[in-house]
Amino acid sequence: MKLTDGKKVIAIELKERGENGWSGDLSKEFFNAGALVHLNTTDAYQVEDVDACIARAEQWRDGAPLPESRLVKCRTFAHGDVLTVFYNGLDTDGLLYYMDQYGDYRISTGDTDAVLAHPIDVADVRWDEERGWMMADGSALPWAE
């Protein structure tokens, strides 16, 4: 689910591990999406304070009865800023995904900095020892021509 306070947009996902593995995304129920205004321009739900929402999600995660039984996955989209990806507070190494000052989505992998043809979900990007960065389904990153 995406949330915005007008200053930044985040995509946040909350999951809980049960006997049969991870649950589906619980964020819409957790943040009561039905009571929030959905903005078509950003495809996000309007909230008063995005950082407060992240803090609530982290409190939920940290209140779990068993360590690592709850997951918070969050991506922050802020115009001109680096997109930060973290799973339980750990930054992803080696891959920067961001929107530049012109509104283009870019990927920087250390030796490559290029514009993408369209936005991607960096949770679907994987490192392959032979092929480098690629999408989880094995396809190449969608570079702009």
N, C-alpha and C. Protein backbone atom coordinates (compact mmCIF):
# COMPACT_ATOMS: atom_id res chain seq x y z
N MET A 1 0.85 -1.17 0.00
CA MET A 1 0.00 0.00 0.00
C MET A 1 0.89 1.23 0.00
N LYS A 2 0.47 2.27 -0.70
CA LYS A 2 1.21 3.52 -0.71
C LYS A 2 0.53 4.54 0.19
N LEU A 3 1.36 5.30 0.92
CA LEU A 3 0.88 6.37 1.79
C LEU A 3 1.62 7.65 1.45
N THR A 4 0.95 8.79 1.57
CA THR A 4 1.61 10.08 1.35
C THR A 4 1.08 11.11 2.35
N ASP A 5 1.98 12.01 2.74
CA ASP A 5 1.58 13.14 3.57
C ASP A 5 1.76 14.45 2.80
N GLY A 6 1.98 14.34 1.49
CA GLY A 6 2.18 15.51 0.66
C GLY A 6 3.64 15.88 0.49
N LYS A 7 4.50 15.38 1.37
CA LYS A 7 5.94 15.64 1.27
C LYS A 7 6.68 14.47 0.64
N LYS A 8 6.23 13.27 0.94
CA LYS A 8 6.84 12.08 0.36
C LYS A 8 5.81 10.98 0.25
N VAL A 9 6.15 10.00 -0.55
CA VAL A 9 5.29 8.84 -0.77
C VAL A 9 6.08 7.62 -0.33
N ILE A 10 5.43 6.73 0.42
CA ILE A 10 6.06 5.46 0.77
C ILE A 10 5.18 4.32 0.31
N ALA A 11 5.81 3.21 0.02
CA ALA A 11 5.10 1.96 -0.18
C ALA A 11 5.47 1.10 1.01
N ILE A 12 4.48 0.61 1.73
CA ILE A 12 4.75 -0.15 2.94
C ILE A 12 3.95 -1.44 2.91
N GLU A 13 4.58 -2.49 3.39
CA GLU A 13 3.96 -3.81 3.42
C GLU A 13 4.22 -4.42 4.79
N LEU A 14 3.21 -5.00 5.40
CA LEU A 14 3.34 -5.65 6.69
C LEU A 14 2.90 -7.10 6.55
N LYS A 15 3.71 -8.01 7.05
CA LYS A 15 3.39 -9.43 6.98
C LYS A 15 3.67 -10.09 8.31
N GLU A 16 2.96 -11.18 8.55
CA GLU A 16 3.13 -11.94 9.78
C GLU A 16 3.35 -13.40 9.41
N ARG A 17 4.32 -14.03 10.08
CA ARG A 17 4.61 -15.43 9.80
C ARG A 17 3.73 -16.32 10.67
N GLY A 18 3.09 -17.27 10.03
CA GLY A 18 2.25 -18.23 10.74
C GLY A 18 2.74 -19.64 10.47
N GLU A 19 1.94 -20.62 10.80
CA GLU A 19 2.31 -22.02 10.61
C GLU A 19 2.51 -22.37 9.13
N ASN A 20 1.81 -21.66 8.25
CA ASN A 20 1.89 -21.95 6.81
C ASN A 20 2.73 -20.95 6.05
N GLY A 21 3.62 -20.22 6.73
CA GLY A 21 4.48 -19.24 6.06
C GLY A 21 3.97 -17.83 6.28
N TRP A 22 4.41 -16.92 5.41
CA TRP A 22 4.06 -15.51 5.54
C TRP A 22 2.64 -15.25 5.10
N SER A 23 1.98 -14.34 5.79
CA SER A 23 0.63 -13.90 5.43
C SER A 23 0.72 -13.01 4.19
N GLY A 24 -0.45 -12.64 3.68
CA GLY A 24 -0.49 -11.61 2.66
C GLY A 24 -0.20 -10.26 3.31
N ASP A 25 -0.21 -9.21 2.52
CA ASP A 25 0.05 -7.87 3.03
C ASP A 25 -1.10 -7.44 3.96
N LEU A 26 -0.75 -7.02 5.17
CA LEU A 26 -1.72 -6.60 6.17
C LEU A 26 -1.84 -5.08 6.30
N SER A 27 -1.12 -4.35 5.46
CA SER A 27 -1.02 -2.89 5.65
C SER A 27 -2.36 -2.17 5.49
N LYS A 28 -3.21 -2.57 4.55
CA LYS A 28 -4.48 -1.87 4.36
C LYS A 28 -5.38 -1.99 5.58
N GLU A 29 -5.39 -3.16 6.20
CA GLU A 29 -6.16 -3.33 7.42
C GLU A 29 -5.51 -2.57 8.57
N PHE A 30 -4.19 -2.65 8.67
CA PHE A 30 -3.45 -2.02 9.77
C PHE A 30 -3.67 -0.51 9.78
N PHE A 31 -3.60 0.12 8.60
CA PHE A 31 -3.76 1.57 8.51
C PHE A 31 -5.19 2.00 8.21
N ASN A 32 -6.14 1.05 8.18
CA ASN A 32 -7.56 1.33 7.95
C ASN A 32 -7.76 2.11 6.65
N ALA A 33 -7.31 1.52 5.55
CA ALA A 33 -7.36 2.19 4.25
C ALA A 33 -8.75 2.65 3.86
N GLY A 34 -9.77 1.94 4.28
CA GLY A 34 -11.14 2.32 3.94
C GLY A 34 -11.55 3.68 4.46
N ALA A 35 -10.88 4.15 5.50
CA ALA A 35 -11.20 5.45 6.09
C ALA A 35 -10.31 6.57 5.55
N LEU A 36 -9.36 6.23 4.68
CA LEU A 36 -8.41 7.22 4.15
C LEU A 36 -8.82 7.66 2.75
N VAL A 37 -8.44 8.85 2.37
CA VAL A 37 -8.68 9.37 1.02
C VAL A 37 -7.60 8.79 0.10
N HIS A 38 -8.03 8.22 -1.03
CA HIS A 38 -7.09 7.69 -2.02
C HIS A 38 -6.85 8.74 -3.10
N LEU A 39 -5.59 9.07 -3.34
CA LEU A 39 -5.22 10.08 -4.34
C LEU A 39 -4.80 9.39 -5.63
N ASN A 40 -5.54 9.63 -6.69
CA ASN A 40 -5.21 8.99 -7.97
C ASN A 40 -3.90 9.48 -8.56
N THR A 41 -3.51 10.72 -8.26
CA THR A 41 -2.28 11.28 -8.84
C THR A 41 -1.04 10.53 -8.39
N THR A 42 -1.03 10.05 -7.16
CA THR A 42 0.14 9.31 -6.65
C THR A 42 -0.19 7.85 -6.39
N ASP A 43 -1.44 7.45 -6.58
CA ASP A 43 -1.91 6.11 -6.26
C ASP A 43 -1.60 5.78 -4.80
N ALA A 44 -1.75 6.78 -3.92
CA ALA A 44 -1.42 6.62 -2.50
C ALA A 44 -2.59 7.10 -1.65
N TYR A 45 -2.62 6.62 -0.42
CA TYR A 45 -3.61 7.06 0.55
C TYR A 45 -3.04 8.24 1.34
N GLN A 46 -3.87 9.27 1.53
CA GLN A 46 -3.45 10.48 2.24
C GLN A 46 -3.44 10.22 3.74
N VAL A 47 -2.31 10.52 4.39
CA VAL A 47 -2.18 10.44 5.84
C VAL A 47 -1.59 11.76 6.34
N GLU A 48 -1.69 11.98 7.64
CA GLU A 48 -1.16 13.22 8.21
C GLU A 48 0.36 13.23 8.25
N ASP A 49 0.96 12.08 8.62
CA ASP A 49 2.40 12.02 8.82
C ASP A 49 2.93 10.63 8.44
N VAL A 50 3.63 10.55 7.33
CA VAL A 50 4.18 9.28 6.85
C VAL A 50 5.15 8.68 7.87
N ASP A 51 6.00 9.52 8.45
CA ASP A 51 6.98 9.01 9.42
C ASP A 51 6.31 8.40 10.64
N ALA A 52 5.19 8.98 11.06
CA ALA A 52 4.44 8.41 12.19
C ALA A 52 3.86 7.04 11.81
N CYS A 53 3.45 6.89 10.56
CA CYS A 53 2.94 5.59 10.09
C CYS A 53 4.04 4.54 10.10
N ILE A 54 5.23 4.92 9.66
CA ILE A 54 6.36 3.99 9.69
C ILE A 54 6.66 3.60 11.13
N ALA A 55 6.65 4.57 12.04
CA ALA A 55 6.92 4.30 13.46
C ALA A 55 5.88 3.34 14.04
N ARG A 56 4.60 3.52 13.68
CA ARG A 56 3.55 2.61 14.14
C ARG A 56 3.80 1.20 13.64
N ALA A 57 4.19 1.07 12.36
CA ALA A 57 4.46 -0.24 11.79
C ALA A 57 5.65 -0.90 12.49
N GLU A 58 6.67 -0.12 12.79
CA GLU A 58 7.85 -0.67 13.48
C GLU A 58 7.48 -1.10 14.90
N GLN A 59 6.60 -0.35 15.57
CA GLN A 59 6.14 -0.76 16.91
C GLN A 59 5.39 -2.08 16.83
N TRP A 60 4.55 -2.22 15.80
CA TRP A 60 3.82 -3.47 15.59
C TRP A 60 4.80 -4.62 15.41
N ARG A 61 5.81 -4.41 14.55
CA ARG A 61 6.81 -5.44 14.29
C ARG A 61 7.56 -5.80 15.58
N ASP A 62 8.00 -4.79 16.31
CA ASP A 62 8.80 -5.01 17.51
C ASP A 62 8.00 -5.61 18.65
N GLY A 63 6.67 -5.53 18.58
CA GLY A 63 5.82 -6.09 19.62
C GLY A 63 5.47 -7.55 19.38
N ALA A 64 6.07 -8.17 18.37
CA ALA A 64 5.79 -9.57 18.05
C ALA A 64 6.25 -10.48 19.18
N PRO A 65 5.49 -11.54 19.46
CA PRO A 65 5.88 -12.46 20.52
C PRO A 65 7.16 -13.24 20.21
N LEU A 66 7.42 -13.51 18.96
CA LEU A 66 8.63 -14.23 18.55
C LEU A 66 9.47 -13.35 17.64
N PRO A 67 10.79 -13.34 17.83
CA PRO A 67 11.65 -12.55 16.94
C PRO A 67 11.45 -12.96 15.48
N GLU A 68 11.46 -11.98 14.62
CA GLU A 68 11.35 -12.18 13.17
C GLU A 68 10.06 -12.86 12.73
N SER A 69 9.00 -12.75 13.54
CA SER A 69 7.72 -13.32 13.11
C SER A 69 6.86 -12.28 12.41
N ARG A 70 7.34 -11.03 12.42
CA ARG A 70 6.64 -9.96 11.71
C ARG A 70 7.63 -9.22 10.83
N LEU A 71 7.18 -8.83 9.65
CA LEU A 71 8.03 -8.16 8.67
C LEU A 71 7.43 -6.82 8.30
N VAL A 72 8.27 -5.80 8.26
CA VAL A 72 7.88 -4.50 7.72
C VAL A 72 8.81 -4.23 6.54
N LYS A 73 8.23 -4.04 5.37
CA LYS A 73 9.00 -3.73 4.17
C LYS A 73 8.54 -2.35 3.73
N CYS A 74 9.48 -1.42 3.57
CA CYS A 74 9.11 -0.05 3.26
C CYS A 74 10.02 0.53 2.20
N ARG A 75 9.42 1.23 1.24
CA ARG A 75 10.18 1.94 0.20
C ARG A 75 9.73 3.40 0.25
N THR A 76 10.67 4.30 0.22
CA THR A 76 10.34 5.72 0.28
C THR A 76 10.62 6.36 -1.06
N PHE A 77 9.61 7.04 -1.62
CA PHE A 77 9.74 7.76 -2.86
C PHE A 77 9.66 9.24 -2.55
N ALA A 78 10.75 9.96 -2.70
CA ALA A 78 10.72 11.41 -2.49
C ALA A 78 11.40 12.04 -3.70
N HIS A 79 10.74 12.98 -4.33
CA HIS A 79 11.24 13.58 -5.57
C HIS A 79 12.70 14.02 -5.42
N GLY A 80 13.57 13.48 -6.25
CA GLY A 80 14.97 13.85 -6.23
C GLY A 80 15.80 13.12 -5.19
N ASP A 81 15.16 12.31 -4.35
CA ASP A 81 15.88 11.59 -3.31
C ASP A 81 16.08 10.14 -3.70
N VAL A 82 17.05 9.52 -3.08
CA VAL A 82 17.29 8.09 -3.28
C VAL A 82 16.15 7.32 -2.66
N LEU A 83 15.72 6.30 -3.36
CA LEU A 83 14.70 5.41 -2.81
C LEU A 83 15.41 4.45 -1.87
N THR A 84 14.97 4.39 -0.64
CA THR A 84 15.59 3.52 0.35
C THR A 84 14.72 2.29 0.52
N VAL A 85 15.33 1.15 0.48
CA VAL A 85 14.62 -0.11 0.67
C VAL A 85 15.15 -0.74 1.93
N PHE A 86 14.27 -1.15 2.82
CA PHE A 86 14.77 -1.88 3.97
C PHE A 86 13.78 -2.96 4.39
N TYR A 87 14.32 -4.05 4.84
CA TYR A 87 13.55 -5.16 5.38
C TYR A 87 13.93 -5.23 6.85
N ASN A 88 13.00 -5.00 7.73
CA ASN A 88 13.27 -5.00 9.17
C ASN A 88 14.43 -4.08 9.50
N GLY A 89 14.51 -2.95 8.80
CA GLY A 89 15.50 -1.94 9.14
C GLY A 89 16.85 -2.10 8.47
N LEU A 90 17.03 -3.12 7.63
CA LEU A 90 18.32 -3.34 6.99
C LEU A 90 18.29 -2.79 5.56
N ASP A 91 19.22 -1.89 5.24
CA ASP A 91 19.27 -1.34 3.89
C ASP A 91 19.73 -2.39 2.89
N THR A 92 19.17 -2.33 1.68
CA THR A 92 19.62 -3.19 0.60
C THR A 92 20.95 -2.66 0.10
N ASP A 93 21.91 -3.53 -0.11
CA ASP A 93 23.24 -3.13 -0.57
C ASP A 93 23.34 -3.20 -2.08
N GLY A 94 24.10 -2.28 -2.66
CA GLY A 94 24.51 -2.39 -4.05
C GLY A 94 23.56 -1.84 -5.09
N LEU A 95 22.37 -1.44 -4.73
CA LEU A 95 21.40 -1.00 -5.73
C LEU A 95 20.71 0.26 -5.24
N LEU A 96 20.83 1.34 -6.00
CA LEU A 96 20.10 2.57 -5.69
C LEU A 96 19.06 2.78 -6.77
N TYR A 97 17.85 3.07 -6.37
CA TYR A 97 16.74 3.30 -7.28
C TYR A 97 16.11 4.61 -6.86
N TYR A 98 16.01 5.56 -7.77
CA TYR A 98 15.54 6.88 -7.37
C TYR A 98 14.89 7.61 -8.54
N MET A 99 14.15 8.67 -8.19
CA MET A 99 13.58 9.54 -9.20
C MET A 99 14.45 10.78 -9.26
N ASP A 100 14.93 11.13 -10.46
CA ASP A 100 15.79 12.30 -10.58
C ASP A 100 14.95 13.59 -10.67
N GLN A 101 15.64 14.71 -10.80
CA GLN A 101 14.95 16.00 -10.81
C GLN A 101 14.04 16.19 -12.01
N TYR A 102 14.17 15.34 -13.04
CA TYR A 102 13.32 15.43 -14.23
C TYR A 102 12.13 14.48 -14.17
N GLY A 103 12.03 13.71 -13.08
CA GLY A 103 10.94 12.76 -12.94
C GLY A 103 11.22 11.41 -13.56
N ASP A 104 12.45 11.18 -14.03
CA ASP A 104 12.82 9.88 -14.59
C ASP A 104 13.25 8.93 -13.48
N TYR A 105 12.86 7.66 -13.61
CA TYR A 105 13.29 6.64 -12.65
C TYR A 105 14.65 6.12 -13.11
N ARG A 106 15.59 6.08 -12.17
CA ARG A 106 16.96 5.68 -12.49
C ARG A 106 17.41 4.56 -11.57
N ILE A 107 18.33 3.77 -12.08
CA ILE A 107 19.00 2.75 -11.26
C ILE A 107 20.48 2.99 -11.34
N SER A 108 21.12 2.91 -10.17
CA SER A 108 22.56 3.00 -10.10
C SER A 108 23.05 1.74 -9.40
N THR A 109 23.94 1.00 -10.06
CA THR A 109 24.44 -0.25 -9.51
C THR A 109 25.93 -0.20 -9.27
N GLY A 110 26.49 0.96 -9.13
CA GLY A 110 27.93 1.08 -8.92
C GLY A 110 28.63 1.40 -10.23
N ASP A 111 28.52 0.51 -11.21
CA ASP A 111 29.16 0.75 -12.50
C ASP A 111 28.16 1.22 -13.55
N THR A 112 26.89 1.23 -13.23
CA THR A 112 25.84 1.64 -14.16
C THR A 112 24.94 2.68 -13.49
N ASP A 113 24.61 3.72 -14.22
CA ASP A 113 23.60 4.67 -13.78
C ASP A 113 22.79 5.03 -15.01
N ALA A 114 21.57 4.51 -15.07
CA ALA A 114 20.80 4.67 -16.30
C ALA A 114 19.32 4.87 -15.99
N VAL A 115 18.61 5.42 -16.96
CA VAL A 115 17.17 5.66 -16.86
C VAL A 115 16.43 4.38 -17.20
N LEU A 116 15.37 4.12 -16.43
CA LEU A 116 14.50 2.98 -16.70
C LEU A 116 13.32 3.41 -17.56
N ALA A 117 12.78 2.47 -18.31
CA ALA A 117 11.64 2.76 -19.18
C ALA A 117 10.38 3.03 -18.36
N HIS A 118 10.29 2.45 -17.16
CA HIS A 118 9.13 2.64 -16.30
C HIS A 118 9.52 2.30 -14.87
N PRO A 119 8.70 2.72 -13.90
CA PRO A 119 9.00 2.39 -12.51
C PRO A 119 8.98 0.87 -12.29
N ILE A 120 9.76 0.42 -11.33
CA ILE A 120 9.78 -1.00 -10.97
C ILE A 120 9.62 -1.14 -9.47
N ASP A 121 9.32 -2.34 -9.04
CA ASP A 121 9.30 -2.66 -7.61
C ASP A 121 10.65 -3.29 -7.30
N VAL A 122 11.50 -2.58 -6.57
CA VAL A 122 12.85 -3.10 -6.33
C VAL A 122 12.84 -4.37 -5.51
N ALA A 123 11.72 -4.70 -4.87
CA ALA A 123 11.63 -5.98 -4.18
C ALA A 123 11.69 -7.13 -5.18
N ASP A 124 11.43 -6.85 -6.46
CA ASP A 124 11.47 -7.86 -7.51
C ASP A 124 12.80 -7.91 -8.24
N VAL A 125 13.79 -7.16 -7.78
CA VAL A 125 15.10 -7.14 -8.42
C VAL A 125 16.03 -8.08 -7.66
N ARG A 126 16.77 -8.89 -8.41
CA ARG A 126 17.67 -9.87 -7.81
C ARG A 126 19.06 -9.75 -8.43
N TRP A 127 20.07 -10.18 -7.67
CA TRP A 127 21.44 -10.24 -8.16
C TRP A 127 21.73 -11.66 -8.61
N ASP A 128 22.25 -11.79 -9.81
CA ASP A 128 22.66 -13.08 -10.35
C ASP A 128 24.16 -13.00 -10.62
N GLU A 129 24.93 -13.96 -10.12
CA GLU A 129 26.39 -13.93 -10.26
C GLU A 129 26.84 -13.84 -11.72
N GLU A 130 26.11 -14.47 -12.63
CA GLU A 130 26.51 -14.47 -14.04
C GLU A 130 25.93 -13.30 -14.82
N ARG A 131 24.70 -12.91 -14.51
CA ARG A 131 24.01 -11.89 -15.31
C ARG A 131 23.93 -10.53 -14.66
N GLY A 132 24.24 -10.43 -13.36
CA GLY A 132 24.15 -9.15 -12.66
C GLY A 132 22.73 -8.89 -12.19
N TRP A 133 22.36 -7.60 -12.07
CA TRP A 133 21.03 -7.23 -11.61
C TRP A 133 19.99 -7.56 -12.66
N MET A 134 18.90 -8.18 -12.22
CA MET A 134 17.81 -8.53 -13.13
C MET A 134 16.52 -8.66 -12.33
N MET A 135 15.41 -8.78 -13.03
CA MET A 135 14.12 -8.94 -12.38
C MET A 135 14.02 -10.37 -11.85
N ALA A 136 13.18 -10.57 -10.83
CA ALA A 136 13.04 -11.87 -10.20
C ALA A 136 12.59 -12.96 -11.18
N ASP A 137 11.85 -12.58 -12.22
CA ASP A 137 11.39 -13.57 -13.20
C ASP A 137 12.47 -13.92 -14.23
N GLY A 138 13.66 -13.35 -14.08
CA GLY A 138 14.77 -13.65 -14.99
C GLY A 138 14.90 -12.67 -16.14
N SER A 139 13.96 -11.75 -16.28
CA SER A 139 14.04 -10.78 -17.37
C SER A 139 15.01 -9.66 -17.02
N ALA A 140 15.45 -8.96 -18.05
CA ALA A 140 16.39 -7.85 -17.84
C ALA A 140 15.67 -6.65 -17.22
N LEU A 141 16.44 -5.78 -16.60
CA LEU A 141 15.85 -4.54 -16.11
C LEU A 141 15.32 -3.73 -17.29
N PRO A 142 14.22 -3.02 -17.13
CA PRO A 142 13.59 -2.30 -18.25
C PRO A 142 14.29 -0.98 -18.55
N TRP A 143 15.45 -1.03 -19.17
CA TRP A 143 16.19 0.19 -19.48
C TRP A 143 15.46 1.01 -20.54
N ALA A 144 15.52 2.32 -20.41
CA ALA A 144 14.93 3.21 -21.42
C ALA A 144 15.84 3.18 -22.66
N GLU A 145 15.24 3.38 -23.81
CA GLU A 145 16.05 3.37 -25.05
C GLU A 145 16.63 4.73 -25.33
